[in-house]
Amino acid sequence: MGFDDLVNNAKDALNSEKAEEISDSVLDKAEGLAGKVGDGKYADQAADIRNNIDGKIGNE
């Protein structure tokens, strides 16, 4: 297996359904924590940030 194969396997793993599930879980928890810390004051901003990041990670 060459270097290009390793790179392609890594890209495939990052764009897999499992990676999407994990990233969604982490982002949901981070958004919830941000909401609790700010007493809901920044809930809309936290949701916007979460959605922006989610669009760049995973396959959905």
PDB file of N, CA and C in Angstrom:
ATOM      1  N   MET A   1       0.853  -1.174   0.000  1.00  0.00           N
ATOM      2  CA  MET A   1       0.000   0.000   0.000  1.00  0.00           C
ATOM      3  C   MET A   1       0.895   1.231   0.000  1.00  0.00           C
ATOM      4  N   GLY A   2       0.671   2.110  -0.966  1.00  0.00           N
ATOM      5  CA  GLY A   2       1.477   3.309  -1.081  1.00  0.00           C
ATOM      6  C   GLY A   2       0.892   4.477  -0.311  1.00  0.00           C
ATOM      7  N   PHE A   3       1.617   5.552  -0.331  1.00  0.00           N
ATOM      8  CA  PHE A   3       1.198   6.767   0.380  1.00  0.00           C
ATOM      9  C   PHE A   3      -0.141   7.275  -0.136  1.00  0.00           C
ATOM     10  N   ASP A   4      -0.333   7.273  -1.448  1.00  0.00           N
ATOM     11  CA  ASP A   4      -1.597   7.738  -2.029  1.00  0.00           C
ATOM     12  C   ASP A   4      -2.767   6.891  -1.548  1.00  0.00           C
ATOM     13  N   ASP A   5      -2.548   5.602  -1.405  1.00  0.00           N
ATOM     14  CA  ASP A   5      -3.602   4.718  -0.897  1.00  0.00           C
ATOM     15  C   ASP A   5      -3.966   5.084   0.541  1.00  0.00           C
ATOM     16  N   LEU A   6      -2.948   5.379   1.337  1.00  0.00           N
ATOM     17  CA  LEU A   6      -3.210   5.774   2.725  1.00  0.00           C
ATOM     18  C   LEU A   6      -3.995   7.080   2.792  1.00  0.00           C
ATOM     19  N   VAL A   7      -3.637   8.035   1.964  1.00  0.00           N
ATOM     20  CA  VAL A   7      -4.336   9.322   1.923  1.00  0.00           C
ATOM     21  C   VAL A   7      -5.788   9.106   1.508  1.00  0.00           C
ATOM     22  N   ASN A   8      -5.998   8.298   0.473  1.00  0.00           N
ATOM     23  CA  ASN A   8      -7.358   8.039   0.006  1.00  0.00           C
ATOM     24  C   ASN A   8      -8.177   7.302   1.064  1.00  0.00           C
ATOM     25  N   ASN A   9      -7.576   6.367   1.766  1.00  0.00           N
ATOM     26  CA  ASN A   9      -8.286   5.661   2.839  1.00  0.00           C
ATOM     27  C   ASN A   9      -8.666   6.614   3.962  1.00  0.00           C
ATOM     28  N   ALA A  10      -7.788   7.539   4.288  1.00  0.00           N
ATOM     29  CA  ALA A  10      -8.075   8.522   5.331  1.00  0.00           C
ATOM     30  C   ALA A  10      -9.230   9.424   4.906  1.00  0.00           C
ATOM     31  N   LYS A  11      -9.218   9.856   3.652  1.00  0.00           N
ATOM     32  CA  LYS A  11     -10.316  10.690   3.142  1.00  0.00           C
ATOM     33  C   LYS A  11     -11.635   9.937   3.177  1.00  0.00           C
ATOM     34  N   ASP A  12     -11.606   8.679   2.789  1.00  0.00           N
ATOM     35  CA  ASP A  12     -12.819   7.866   2.812  1.00  0.00           C
ATOM     36  C   ASP A  12     -13.347   7.714   4.238  1.00  0.00           C
ATOM     37  N   ALA A  13     -12.439   7.514   5.184  1.00  0.00           N
ATOM     38  CA  ALA A  13     -12.845   7.354   6.585  1.00  0.00           C
ATOM     39  C   ALA A  13     -13.482   8.632   7.122  1.00  0.00           C
ATOM     40  N   LEU A  14     -12.924   9.772   6.757  1.00  0.00           N
ATOM     41  CA  LEU A  14     -13.462  11.046   7.234  1.00  0.00           C
ATOM     42  C   LEU A  14     -14.817  11.365   6.623  1.00  0.00           C
ATOM     43  N   ASN A  15     -15.097  10.810   5.471  1.00  0.00           N
ATOM     44  CA  ASN A  15     -16.368  11.065   4.802  1.00  0.00           C
ATOM     45  C   ASN A  15     -17.351   9.913   4.952  1.00  0.00           C
ATOM     46  N   SER A  16     -17.103   9.031   5.898  1.00  0.00           N
ATOM     47  CA  SER A  16     -17.961   7.870   6.095  1.00  0.00           C
ATOM     48  C   SER A  16     -19.171   8.215   6.959  1.00  0.00           C
ATOM     49  N   GLU A  17     -20.129   7.311   6.962  1.00  0.00           N
ATOM     50  CA  GLU A  17     -21.334   7.483   7.784  1.00  0.00           C
ATOM     51  C   GLU A  17     -20.975   7.476   9.273  1.00  0.00           C
ATOM     52  N   LYS A  18     -20.032   6.635   9.655  1.00  0.00           N
ATOM     53  CA  LYS A  18     -19.603   6.578  11.065  1.00  0.00           C
ATOM     54  C   LYS A  18     -18.973   7.899  11.488  1.00  0.00           C
ATOM     55  N   ALA A  19     -18.147   8.492  10.639  1.00  0.00           N
ATOM     56  CA  ALA A  19     -17.539   9.786  10.955  1.00  0.00           C
ATOM     57  C   ALA A  19     -18.620  10.846  11.106  1.00  0.00           C
ATOM     58  N   GLU A  20     -19.648  10.773  10.276  1.00  0.00           N
ATOM     59  CA  GLU A  20     -20.766  11.719  10.362  1.00  0.00           C
ATOM     60  C   GLU A  20     -21.486  11.570  11.704  1.00  0.00           C
ATOM     61  N   GLU A  21     -21.724  10.338  12.116  1.00  0.00           N
ATOM     62  CA  GLU A  21     -22.399  10.095  13.398  1.00  0.00           C
ATOM     63  C   GLU A  21     -21.575  10.637  14.565  1.00  0.00           C
ATOM     64  N   ILE A  22     -20.288  10.374  14.536  1.00  0.00           N
ATOM     65  CA  ILE A  22     -19.404  10.825  15.619  1.00  0.00           C
ATOM     66  C   ILE A  22     -19.326  12.348  15.641  1.00  0.00           C
ATOM     67  N   SER A  23     -19.145  12.959  14.482  1.00  0.00           N
ATOM     68  CA  SER A  23     -19.040  14.420  14.453  1.00  0.00           C
ATOM     69  C   SER A  23     -20.343  15.068  14.884  1.00  0.00           C
ATOM     70  N   ASP A  24     -21.477  14.505  14.482  1.00  0.00           N
ATOM     71  CA  ASP A  24     -22.766  15.049  14.914  1.00  0.00           C
ATOM     72  C   ASP A  24     -22.918  14.964  16.427  1.00  0.00           C
ATOM     73  N   SER A  25     -22.514  13.848  16.996  1.00  0.00           N
ATOM     74  CA  SER A  25     -22.607  13.671  18.444  1.00  0.00           C
ATOM     75  C   SER A  25     -21.741  14.686  19.192  1.00  0.00           C
ATOM     76  N   VAL A  26     -20.518  14.849  18.740  1.00  0.00           N
ATOM     77  CA  VAL A  26     -19.598  15.804  19.379  1.00  0.00           C
ATOM     78  C   VAL A  26     -20.123  17.229  19.240  1.00  0.00           C
ATOM     79  N   LEU A  27     -20.581  17.577  18.047  1.00  0.00           N
ATOM     80  CA  LEU A  27     -21.081  18.934  17.819  1.00  0.00           C
ATOM     81  C   LEU A  27     -22.354  19.207  18.618  1.00  0.00           C
ATOM     82  N   ASP A  28     -23.226  18.205  18.731  1.00  0.00           N
ATOM     83  CA  ASP A  28     -24.446  18.376  19.535  1.00  0.00           C
ATOM     84  C   ASP A  28     -24.097  18.637  20.999  1.00  0.00           C
ATOM     85  N   LYS A  29     -23.139  17.889  21.512  1.00  0.00           N
ATOM     86  CA  LYS A  29     -22.721  18.075  22.913  1.00  0.00           C
ATOM     87  C   LYS A  29     -22.076  19.435  23.122  1.00  0.00           C
ATOM     88  N   ALA A  30     -21.241  19.852  22.180  1.00  0.00           N
ATOM     89  CA  ALA A  30     -20.589  21.165  22.292  1.00  0.00           C
ATOM     90  C   ALA A  30     -21.624  22.284  22.229  1.00  0.00           C
ATOM     91  N   GLU A  31     -22.607  22.142  21.356  1.00  0.00           N
ATOM     92  CA  GLU A  31     -23.669  23.151  21.252  1.00  0.00           C
ATOM     93  C   GLU A  31     -24.476  23.210  22.554  1.00  0.00           C
ATOM     94  N   GLY A  32     -24.793  22.052  23.117  1.00  0.00           N
ATOM     95  CA  GLY A  32     -25.527  22.012  24.376  1.00  0.00           C
ATOM     96  C   GLY A  32     -24.740  22.643  25.508  1.00  0.00           C
ATOM     97  N   LEU A  33     -23.456  22.377  25.557  1.00  0.00           N
ATOM     98  CA  LEU A  33     -22.607  22.952  26.596  1.00  0.00           C
ATOM     99  C   LEU A  33     -22.536  24.468  26.459  1.00  0.00           C
ATOM    100  N   ALA A  34     -22.396  24.941  25.233  1.00  0.00           N
ATOM    101  CA  ALA A  34     -22.354  26.391  25.008  1.00  0.00           C
ATOM    102  C   ALA A  34     -23.663  27.041  25.449  1.00  0.00           C
ATOM    103  N   GLY A  35     -24.762  26.353  25.223  1.00  0.00           N
ATOM    104  CA  GLY A  35     -26.055  26.874  25.647  1.00  0.00           C
ATOM    105  C   GLY A  35     -26.179  26.947  27.157  1.00  0.00           C
ATOM    106  N   LYS A  36     -25.660  25.933  27.840  1.00  0.00           N
ATOM    107  CA  LYS A  36     -25.723  25.910  29.314  1.00  0.00           C
ATOM    108  C   LYS A  36     -24.820  26.972  29.923  1.00  0.00           C
ATOM    109  N   VAL A  37     -23.622  27.097  29.398  1.00  0.00           N
ATOM    110  CA  VAL A  37     -22.659  28.060  29.934  1.00  0.00           C
ATOM    111  C   VAL A  37     -23.180  29.482  29.775  1.00  0.00           C
ATOM    112  N   GLY A  38     -23.829  29.759  28.666  1.00  0.00           N
ATOM    113  CA  GLY A  38     -24.341  31.105  28.409  1.00  0.00           C
ATOM    114  C   GLY A  38     -25.776  31.300  28.857  1.00  0.00           C
ATOM    115  N   ASP A  39     -26.321  30.358  29.640  1.00  0.00           N
ATOM    116  CA  ASP A  39     -27.712  30.415  30.102  1.00  0.00           C
ATOM    117  C   ASP A  39     -28.681  30.632  28.947  1.00  0.00           C
ATOM    118  N   GLY A  40     -28.405  30.017  27.804  1.00  0.00           N
ATOM    119  CA  GLY A  40     -29.271  30.123  26.643  1.00  0.00           C
ATOM    120  C   GLY A  40     -29.120  31.422  25.872  1.00  0.00           C
ATOM    121  N   LYS A  41     -28.307  32.300  26.388  1.00  0.00           N
ATOM    122  CA  LYS A  41     -28.119  33.624  25.795  1.00  0.00           C
ATOM    123  C   LYS A  41     -27.521  33.541  24.387  1.00  0.00           C
ATOM    124  N   TYR A  42     -26.674  32.555  24.168  1.00  0.00           N
ATOM    125  CA  TYR A  42     -25.978  32.418  22.888  1.00  0.00           C
ATOM    126  C   TYR A  42     -26.412  31.173  22.124  1.00  0.00           C
ATOM    127  N   ALA A  43     -27.588  30.681  22.404  1.00  0.00           N
ATOM    128  CA  ALA A  43     -28.060  29.441  21.793  1.00  0.00           C
ATOM    129  C   ALA A  43     -28.124  29.550  20.270  1.00  0.00           C
ATOM    130  N   ASP A  44     -28.625  30.665  19.756  1.00  0.00           N
ATOM    131  CA  ASP A  44     -28.719  30.833  18.296  1.00  0.00           C
ATOM    132  C   ASP A  44     -27.340  30.867  17.653  1.00  0.00           C
ATOM    133  N   GLN A  45     -26.412  31.565  18.287  1.00  0.00           N
ATOM    134  CA  GLN A  45     -25.052  31.642  17.744  1.00  0.00           C
ATOM    135  C   GLN A  45     -24.374  30.275  17.801  1.00  0.00           C
ATOM    136  N   ALA A  46     -24.592  29.544  18.898  1.00  0.00           N
ATOM    137  CA  ALA A  46     -24.002  28.208  19.031  1.00  0.00           C
ATOM    138  C   ALA A  46     -24.562  27.279  17.955  1.00  0.00           C
ATOM    139  N   ALA A  47     -25.843  27.376  17.667  1.00  0.00           N
ATOM    140  CA  ALA A  47     -26.462  26.540  16.633  1.00  0.00           C
ATOM    141  C   ALA A  47     -25.898  26.882  15.257  1.00  0.00           C
ATOM    142  N   ASP A  48     -25.716  28.171  14.995  1.00  0.00           N
ATOM    143  CA  ASP A  48     -25.142  28.591  13.707  1.00  0.00           C
ATOM    144  C   ASP A  48     -23.724  28.057  13.538  1.00  0.00           C
ATOM    145  N   ILE A  49     -22.932  28.163  14.581  1.00  0.00           N
ATOM    146  CA  ILE A  49     -21.548  27.677  14.526  1.00  0.00           C
ATOM    147  C   ILE A  49     -21.530  26.164  14.333  1.00  0.00           C
ATOM    148  N   ARG A  50     -22.392  25.471  15.076  1.00  0.00           N
ATOM    149  CA  ARG A  50     -22.479  24.019  14.975  1.00  0.00           C
ATOM    150  C   ARG A  50     -22.819  23.602  13.548  1.00  0.00           C
ATOM    151  N   ASN A  51     -23.804  24.257  12.953  1.00  0.00           N
ATOM    152  CA  ASN A  51     -24.230  23.906  11.602  1.00  0.00           C
ATOM    153  C   ASN A  51     -23.143  24.216  10.571  1.00  0.00           C
ATOM    154  N   ASN A  52     -22.429  25.295  10.779  1.00  0.00           N
ATOM    155  CA  ASN A  52     -21.339  25.662   9.877  1.00  0.00           C
ATOM    156  C   ASN A  52     -20.236  24.607   9.914  1.00  0.00           C
ATOM    157  N   ILE A  53     -19.852  24.208  11.096  1.00  0.00           N
ATOM    158  CA  ILE A  53     -18.808  23.189  11.235  1.00  0.00           C
ATOM    159  C   ILE A  53     -19.294  21.861  10.681  1.00  0.00           C
ATOM    160  N   ASP A  54     -20.548  21.506  10.977  1.00  0.00           N
ATOM    161  CA  ASP A  54     -21.095  20.234  10.509  1.00  0.00           C
ATOM    162  C   ASP A  54     -21.088  20.136   8.986  1.00  0.00           C
ATOM    163  N   GLY A  55     -21.290  21.258   8.320  1.00  0.00           N
ATOM    164  CA  GLY A  55     -21.267  21.250   6.869  1.00  0.00           C
ATOM    165  C   GLY A  55     -19.889  20.976   6.286  1.00  0.00           C
ATOM    166  N   LYS A  56     -18.864  21.145   7.096  1.00  0.00           N
ATOM    167  CA  LYS A  56     -17.495  20.932   6.619  1.00  0.00           C
ATOM    168  C   LYS A  56     -16.917  19.576   7.029  1.00  0.00           C
ATOM    169  N   ILE A  57     -17.623  18.872   7.913  1.00  0.00           N
ATOM    170  CA  ILE A  57     -17.147  17.581   8.415  1.00  0.00           C
ATOM    171  C   ILE A  57     -18.153  16.500   8.021  1.00  0.00           C
ATOM    172  N   GLY A  58     -17.665  15.343   7.682  1.00  0.00           N
ATOM    173  CA  GLY A  58     -18.533  14.213   7.396  1.00  0.00           C
ATOM    174  C   GLY A  58     -19.089  14.254   5.985  1.00  0.00           C
ATOM    175  N   ASN A  59     -20.200  13.545   5.791  1.00  0.00           N
ATOM    176  CA  ASN A  59     -20.747  13.406   4.444  1.00  0.00           C
ATOM    177  C   ASN A  59     -22.147  13.973   4.286  1.00  0.00           C
ATOM    178  N   GLU A  60     -22.663  14.654   5.279  1.00  0.00           N
ATOM    179  CA  GLU A  60     -23.995  15.267   5.165  1.00  0.00           C
ATOM    180  C   GLU A  60     -23.936  16.725   5.509  1.00  0.00           C
TER     181      GLU A  60
END
